[in-house]
PDB file of all heavy atoms in Angstrom:
ATOM      1  N   ILE A   1      77.323  61.427  92.179  1.00  0.00           N
ATOM      2  CA  ILE A   1      77.108  59.939  92.153  1.00  0.00           C
ATOM      3  C   ILE A   1      77.925  59.262  93.306  1.00  0.00           C
ATOM      4  O   ILE A   1      77.394  58.346  93.961  1.00  0.00           O
ATOM      5  CB  ILE A   1      77.479  59.374  90.787  1.00  0.00           C
ATOM      6  CG1 ILE A   1      76.506  59.788  89.721  1.00  0.00           C
ATOM      7  CG2 ILE A   1      77.693  57.849  90.795  1.00  0.00           C
ATOM      8  CD1 ILE A   1      76.941  59.541  88.286  1.00  0.00           C
ATOM      9  N   SER A   2      79.144  59.752  93.437  1.00  0.00           N
ATOM     10  CA  SER A   2      80.023  59.080  94.436  1.00  0.00           C
ATOM     11  C   SER A   2      79.807  59.512  95.851  1.00  0.00           C
ATOM     12  O   SER A   2      80.222  58.819  96.787  1.00  0.00           O
ATOM     13  CB  SER A   2      81.492  59.316  94.041  1.00  0.00           C
ATOM     14  OG  SER A   2      81.835  60.647  94.144  1.00  0.00           O
ATOM     15  N   GLY A   3      79.223  60.691  95.999  1.00  0.00           N
ATOM     16  CA  GLY A   3      79.129  61.296  97.334  1.00  0.00           C
ATOM     17  C   GLY A   3      80.484  61.808  97.860  1.00  0.00           C
ATOM     18  O   GLY A   3      80.597  62.041  99.068  1.00  0.00           O
ATOM     19  N   LEU A   4      81.452  62.026  96.997  1.00  0.00           N
ATOM     20  CA  LEU A   4      82.846  62.418  97.416  1.00  0.00           C
ATOM     21  C   LEU A   4      83.167  63.798  96.794  1.00  0.00           C
ATOM     22  O   LEU A   4      82.406  64.402  96.016  1.00  0.00           O
ATOM     23  CB  LEU A   4      83.790  61.341  97.023  1.00  0.00           C
ATOM     24  CG  LEU A   4      83.532  59.983  97.736  1.00  0.00           C
ATOM     25  CD1 LEU A   4      84.275  58.857  97.060  1.00  0.00           C
ATOM     26  CD2 LEU A   4      83.967  60.138  99.208  1.00  0.00           C
ATOM     27  N   ASP A   5      84.251  64.319  97.234  1.00  0.00           N
ATOM     28  CA  ASP A   5      84.617  65.740  97.028  1.00  0.00           C
ATOM     29  C   ASP A   5      85.350  66.045  95.709  1.00  0.00           C
ATOM     30  O   ASP A   5      85.105  67.020  95.098  1.00  0.00           O
ATOM     31  CB  ASP A   5      85.486  66.244  98.169  1.00  0.00           C
ATOM     32  CG  ASP A   5      84.889  66.054  99.542  1.00  0.00           C
ATOM     33  OD1 ASP A   5      83.682  66.276  99.617  1.00  0.00           O
ATOM     34  OD2 ASP A   5      85.604  65.647 100.453  1.00  0.00           O
ATOM     35  N   GLU A   6      86.264  65.139  95.345  1.00  0.00           N
ATOM     36  CA  GLU A   6      87.101  65.448  94.202  1.00  0.00           C
ATOM     37  C   GLU A   6      87.225  64.330  93.271  1.00  0.00           C
ATOM     38  O   GLU A   6      86.945  63.147  93.607  1.00  0.00           O
ATOM     39  CB  GLU A   6      88.496  65.883  94.669  1.00  0.00           C
ATOM     40  CG  GLU A   6      88.529  67.141  95.547  1.00  0.00           C
ATOM     41  CD  GLU A   6      89.963  67.593  95.915  1.00  0.00           C
ATOM     42  OE1 GLU A   6      90.900  67.096  95.298  1.00  0.00           O
ATOM     43  OE2 GLU A   6      90.035  68.386  96.842  1.00  0.00           O
ATOM     44  N   VAL A   7      87.738  64.579  92.035  1.00  0.00           N
ATOM     45  CA  VAL A   7      87.781  63.541  90.917  1.00  0.00           C
ATOM     46  C   VAL A   7      89.092  63.713  90.281  1.00  0.00           C
ATOM     47  O   VAL A   7      89.571  64.826  90.032  1.00  0.00           O
ATOM     48  CB  VAL A   7      86.642  63.765  89.903  1.00  0.00           C
ATOM     49  CG1 VAL A   7      86.672  62.701  88.871  1.00  0.00           C
ATOM     50  CG2 VAL A   7      85.276  63.721  90.684  1.00  0.00           C
ATOM     51  N   SER A   8      89.684  62.532  89.887  1.00  0.00           N
ATOM     52  CA  SER A   8      90.846  62.620  88.968  1.00  0.00           C
ATOM     53  C   SER A   8      90.577  61.518  87.907  1.00  0.00           C
ATOM     54  O   SER A   8      89.947  60.465  88.074  1.00  0.00           O
ATOM     55  CB  SER A   8      92.142  62.317  89.655  1.00  0.00           C
ATOM     56  OG  SER A   8      92.171  60.970  90.171  1.00  0.00           O
ATOM     57  N   PHE A   9      91.060  61.861  86.600  1.00  0.00           N
ATOM     58  CA  PHE A   9      90.826  61.026  85.516  1.00  0.00           C
ATOM     59  C   PHE A   9      92.052  60.297  85.143  1.00  0.00           C
ATOM     60  O   PHE A   9      93.169  60.853  85.115  1.00  0.00           O
ATOM     61  CB  PHE A   9      90.295  61.844  84.299  1.00  0.00           C
ATOM     62  CG  PHE A   9      88.985  62.508  84.608  1.00  0.00           C
ATOM     63  CD1 PHE A   9      88.827  63.815  84.848  1.00  0.00           C
ATOM     64  CD2 PHE A   9      87.781  61.684  84.600  1.00  0.00           C
ATOM     65  CE1 PHE A   9      87.573  64.403  85.089  1.00  0.00           C
ATOM     66  CE2 PHE A   9      86.528  62.244  84.856  1.00  0.00           C
ATOM     67  CZ  PHE A   9      86.438  63.651  85.080  1.00  0.00           C
ATOM     68  N   HIS A  10      91.911  59.058  84.623  1.00  0.00           N
ATOM     69  CA  HIS A  10      93.056  58.219  84.260  1.00  0.00           C
ATOM     70  C   HIS A  10      92.645  57.422  83.014  1.00  0.00           C
ATOM     71  O   HIS A  10      91.495  57.577  82.489  1.00  0.00           O
ATOM     72  CB  HIS A  10      93.477  57.250  85.418  1.00  0.00           C
ATOM     73  CG  HIS A  10      93.731  58.015  86.702  1.00  0.00           C
ATOM     74  ND1 HIS A  10      94.883  58.567  87.032  1.00  0.00           N
ATOM     75  CD2 HIS A  10      92.802  58.367  87.719  1.00  0.00           C
ATOM     76  CE1 HIS A  10      94.791  59.180  88.161  1.00  0.00           C
ATOM     77  NE2 HIS A  10      93.552  59.060  88.641  1.00  0.00           N
ATOM     78  N   MET A  11      93.535  56.596  82.502  1.00  0.00           N
ATOM     79  CA  MET A  11      93.200  55.895  81.216  1.00  0.00           C
ATOM     80  C   MET A  11      92.826  54.466  81.407  1.00  0.00           C
ATOM     81  O   MET A  11      92.528  53.789  80.460  1.00  0.00           O
ATOM     82  CB  MET A  11      94.385  56.006  80.277  1.00  0.00           C
ATOM     83  CG  MET A  11      94.566  57.475  79.612  1.00  0.00           C
ATOM     84  SD  MET A  11      93.072  58.000  78.780  1.00  0.00           S
ATOM     85  CE  MET A  11      92.968  56.848  77.492  1.00  0.00           C
ATOM     86  N   SER A  12      92.801  53.960  82.614  1.00  0.00           N
ATOM     87  CA  SER A  12      92.408  52.589  82.847  1.00  0.00           C
ATOM     88  C   SER A  12      92.024  52.456  84.378  1.00  0.00           C
ATOM     89  O   SER A  12      92.393  53.238  85.190  1.00  0.00           O
ATOM     90  CB  SER A  12      93.468  51.551  82.486  1.00  0.00           C
ATOM     91  OG  SER A  12      94.550  51.630  83.467  1.00  0.00           O
ATOM     92  N   GLY A  13      91.266  51.398  84.611  1.00  0.00           N
ATOM     93  CA  GLY A  13      90.923  51.087  85.971  1.00  0.00           C
ATOM     94  C   GLY A  13      92.111  50.819  86.824  1.00  0.00           C
ATOM     95  O   GLY A  13      92.250  51.130  88.004  1.00  0.00           O
ATOM     96  N   THR A  14      93.104  50.071  86.235  1.00  0.00           N
ATOM     97  CA  THR A  14      94.319  49.749  86.911  1.00  0.00           C
ATOM     98  C   THR A  14      95.040  51.008  87.387  1.00  0.00           C
ATOM     99  O   THR A  14      95.477  51.100  88.597  1.00  0.00           O
ATOM    100  CB  THR A  14      95.245  48.938  86.033  1.00  0.00           C
ATOM    101  OG1 THR A  14      94.706  47.626  85.865  1.00  0.00           O
ATOM    102  CG2 THR A  14      96.661  48.785  86.643  1.00  0.00           C
ATOM    103  N   GLU A  15      95.144  52.036  86.499  1.00  0.00           N
ATOM    104  CA  GLU A  15      95.784  53.287  86.938  1.00  0.00           C
ATOM    105  C   GLU A  15      94.994  53.984  88.017  1.00  0.00           C
ATOM    106  O   GLU A  15      95.609  54.585  88.935  1.00  0.00           O
ATOM    107  CB  GLU A  15      95.831  54.236  85.697  1.00  0.00           C
ATOM    108  CG  GLU A  15      96.880  53.868  84.658  1.00  0.00           C
ATOM    109  CD  GLU A  15      96.949  54.890  83.549  1.00  0.00           C
ATOM    110  OE1 GLU A  15      96.701  56.100  83.836  1.00  0.00           O
ATOM    111  OE2 GLU A  15      97.239  54.522  82.422  1.00  0.00           O
ATOM    112  N   ALA A  16      93.682  53.946  87.991  1.00  0.00           N
ATOM    113  CA  ALA A  16      92.868  54.606  89.032  1.00  0.00           C
ATOM    114  C   ALA A  16      93.117  53.957  90.419  1.00  0.00           C
ATOM    115  O   ALA A  16      93.291  54.610  91.409  1.00  0.00           O
ATOM    116  CB  ALA A  16      91.410  54.575  88.672  1.00  0.00           C
ATOM    117  N   VAL A  17      93.226  52.634  90.407  1.00  0.00           N
ATOM    118  CA  VAL A  17      93.462  51.918  91.739  1.00  0.00           C
ATOM    119  C   VAL A  17      94.904  52.234  92.142  1.00  0.00           C
ATOM    120  O   VAL A  17      95.106  52.463  93.327  1.00  0.00           O
ATOM    121  CB  VAL A  17      93.281  50.382  91.484  1.00  0.00           C
ATOM    122  CG1 VAL A  17      93.750  49.651  92.786  1.00  0.00           C
ATOM    123  CG2 VAL A  17      91.833  50.116  91.195  1.00  0.00           C
ATOM    124  N   MET A  18      95.857  52.313  91.249  1.00  0.00           N
ATOM    125  CA  MET A  18      97.210  52.652  91.623  1.00  0.00           C
ATOM    126  C   MET A  18      97.263  53.973  92.308  1.00  0.00           C
ATOM    127  O   MET A  18      97.946  54.178  93.357  1.00  0.00           O
ATOM    128  CB  MET A  18      98.115  52.633  90.389  1.00  0.00           C
ATOM    129  CG  MET A  18      98.440  51.306  89.771  1.00  0.00           C
ATOM    130  SD  MET A  18      99.242  51.406  88.213  1.00  0.00           S
ATOM    131  CE  MET A  18     100.851  52.022  88.707  1.00  0.00           C
ATOM    132  N   GLN A  19      96.514  54.942  91.747  1.00  0.00           N
ATOM    133  CA  GLN A  19      96.488  56.305  92.302  1.00  0.00           C
ATOM    134  C   GLN A  19      95.823  56.324  93.678  1.00  0.00           C
ATOM    135  O   GLN A  19      96.256  56.978  94.651  1.00  0.00           O
ATOM    136  CB  GLN A  19      95.767  57.278  91.391  1.00  0.00           C
ATOM    137  CG  GLN A  19      95.557  58.656  91.908  1.00  0.00           C
ATOM    138  CD  GLN A  19      96.804  59.429  92.200  1.00  0.00           C
ATOM    139  OE1 GLN A  19      97.904  58.880  92.152  1.00  0.00           O
ATOM    140  NE2 GLN A  19      96.734  60.710  92.427  1.00  0.00           N
ATOM    141  N   ALA A  20      94.728  55.525  93.827  1.00  0.00           N
ATOM    142  CA  ALA A  20      94.074  55.522  95.127  1.00  0.00           C
ATOM    143  C   ALA A  20      94.938  54.995  96.193  1.00  0.00           C
ATOM    144  O   ALA A  20      95.076  55.527  97.284  1.00  0.00           O
ATOM    145  CB  ALA A  20      92.799  54.616  95.013  1.00  0.00           C
ATOM    146  N   VAL A  21      95.720  53.900  95.932  1.00  0.00           N
ATOM    147  CA  VAL A  21      96.587  53.285  96.903  1.00  0.00           C
ATOM    148  C   VAL A  21      97.755  54.278  97.219  1.00  0.00           C
ATOM    149  O   VAL A  21      98.167  54.444  98.366  1.00  0.00           O
ATOM    150  CB  VAL A  21      97.093  51.919  96.451  1.00  0.00           C
ATOM    151  CG1 VAL A  21      98.170  51.424  97.338  1.00  0.00           C
ATOM    152  CG2 VAL A  21      95.957  50.945  96.339  1.00  0.00           C
ATOM    153  N   ARG A  22      98.321  54.847  96.161  1.00  0.00           N
ATOM    154  CA  ARG A  22      99.403  55.840  96.334  1.00  0.00           C
ATOM    155  C   ARG A  22      98.982  56.957  97.245  1.00  0.00           C
ATOM    156  O   ARG A  22      99.708  57.408  98.140  1.00  0.00           O
ATOM    157  CB  ARG A  22      99.893  56.317  94.983  1.00  0.00           C
ATOM    158  CG  ARG A  22     101.028  57.379  95.115  1.00  0.00           C
ATOM    159  CD  ARG A  22     101.613  57.800  93.800  1.00  0.00           C
ATOM    160  NE  ARG A  22     102.589  56.826  93.421  1.00  0.00           N
ATOM    161  CZ  ARG A  22     103.512  57.062  92.417  1.00  0.00           C
ATOM    162  NH1 ARG A  22     103.502  58.291  91.818  1.00  0.00           N
ATOM    163  NH2 ARG A  22     104.389  56.208  92.160  1.00  0.00           N
ATOM    164  N   LEU A  23      97.767  57.552  97.020  1.00  0.00           N
ATOM    165  CA  LEU A  23      97.340  58.682  97.827  1.00  0.00           C
ATOM    166  C   LEU A  23      97.083  58.209  99.285  1.00  0.00           C
ATOM    167  O   LEU A  23      97.365  58.986 100.214  1.00  0.00           O
ATOM    168  CB  LEU A  23      96.046  59.213  97.240  1.00  0.00           C
ATOM    169  CG  LEU A  23      96.210  60.139  96.007  1.00  0.00           C
ATOM    170  CD1 LEU A  23      94.877  60.368  95.301  1.00  0.00           C
ATOM    171  CD2 LEU A  23      96.890  61.445  96.422  1.00  0.00           C
ATOM    172  N   ALA A  24      96.570  56.991  99.471  1.00  0.00           N
ATOM    173  CA  ALA A  24      96.349  56.499 100.872  1.00  0.00           C
ATOM    174  C   ALA A  24      97.622  56.399 101.589  1.00  0.00           C
ATOM    175  O   ALA A  24      97.752  56.758 102.751  1.00  0.00           O
ATOM    176  CB  ALA A  24      95.586  55.170 100.802  1.00  0.00           C
ATOM    177  N   ARG A  25      98.633  55.850 100.946  1.00  0.00           N
ATOM    178  CA  ARG A  25      99.992  55.722 101.571  1.00  0.00           C
ATOM    179  C   ARG A  25     100.552  57.096 101.849  1.00  0.00           C
ATOM    180  O   ARG A  25     101.206  57.331 102.930  1.00  0.00           O
ATOM    181  CB  ARG A  25     100.894  54.964 100.663  1.00  0.00           C
ATOM    182  CG  ARG A  25     100.603  53.454 100.687  1.00  0.00           C
ATOM    183  CD  ARG A  25     101.360  52.711  99.583  1.00  0.00           C
ATOM    184  NE  ARG A  25     101.298  51.249  99.803  1.00  0.00           N
ATOM    185  CZ  ARG A  25     101.601  50.353  98.875  1.00  0.00           C
ATOM    186  NH1 ARG A  25     101.931  50.729  97.672  1.00  0.00           N
ATOM    187  NH2 ARG A  25     101.529  49.069  99.220  1.00  0.00           N
ATOM    188  N   TYR A  26     100.362  58.030 100.951  1.00  0.00           N
ATOM    189  CA  TYR A  26     100.952  59.401 101.099  1.00  0.00           C
ATOM    190  C   TYR A  26     100.333  60.070 102.333  1.00  0.00           C
ATOM    191  O   TYR A  26     101.070  60.678 103.166  1.00  0.00           O
ATOM    192  CB  TYR A  26     100.639  60.191  99.829  1.00  0.00           C
ATOM    193  CG  TYR A  26     101.007  61.608  99.823  1.00  0.00           C
ATOM    194  CD1 TYR A  26     102.321  62.008  99.877  1.00  0.00           C
ATOM    195  CD2 TYR A  26     100.055  62.638  99.729  1.00  0.00           C
ATOM    196  CE1 TYR A  26     102.671  63.390  99.834  1.00  0.00           C
ATOM    197  CE2 TYR A  26     100.375  63.951  99.694  1.00  0.00           C
ATOM    198  CZ  TYR A  26     101.679  64.333  99.768  1.00  0.00           C
ATOM    199  OH  TYR A  26     102.036  65.676  99.709  1.00  0.00           O
TER     200      TYR A  26
END
């Protein structure tokens, strides 16, 4: 669906966005 390679699961949309930003900074 996303056309992307990997997936991680979280308990809220806020957590998912936090992880996306953290990975981008990393």
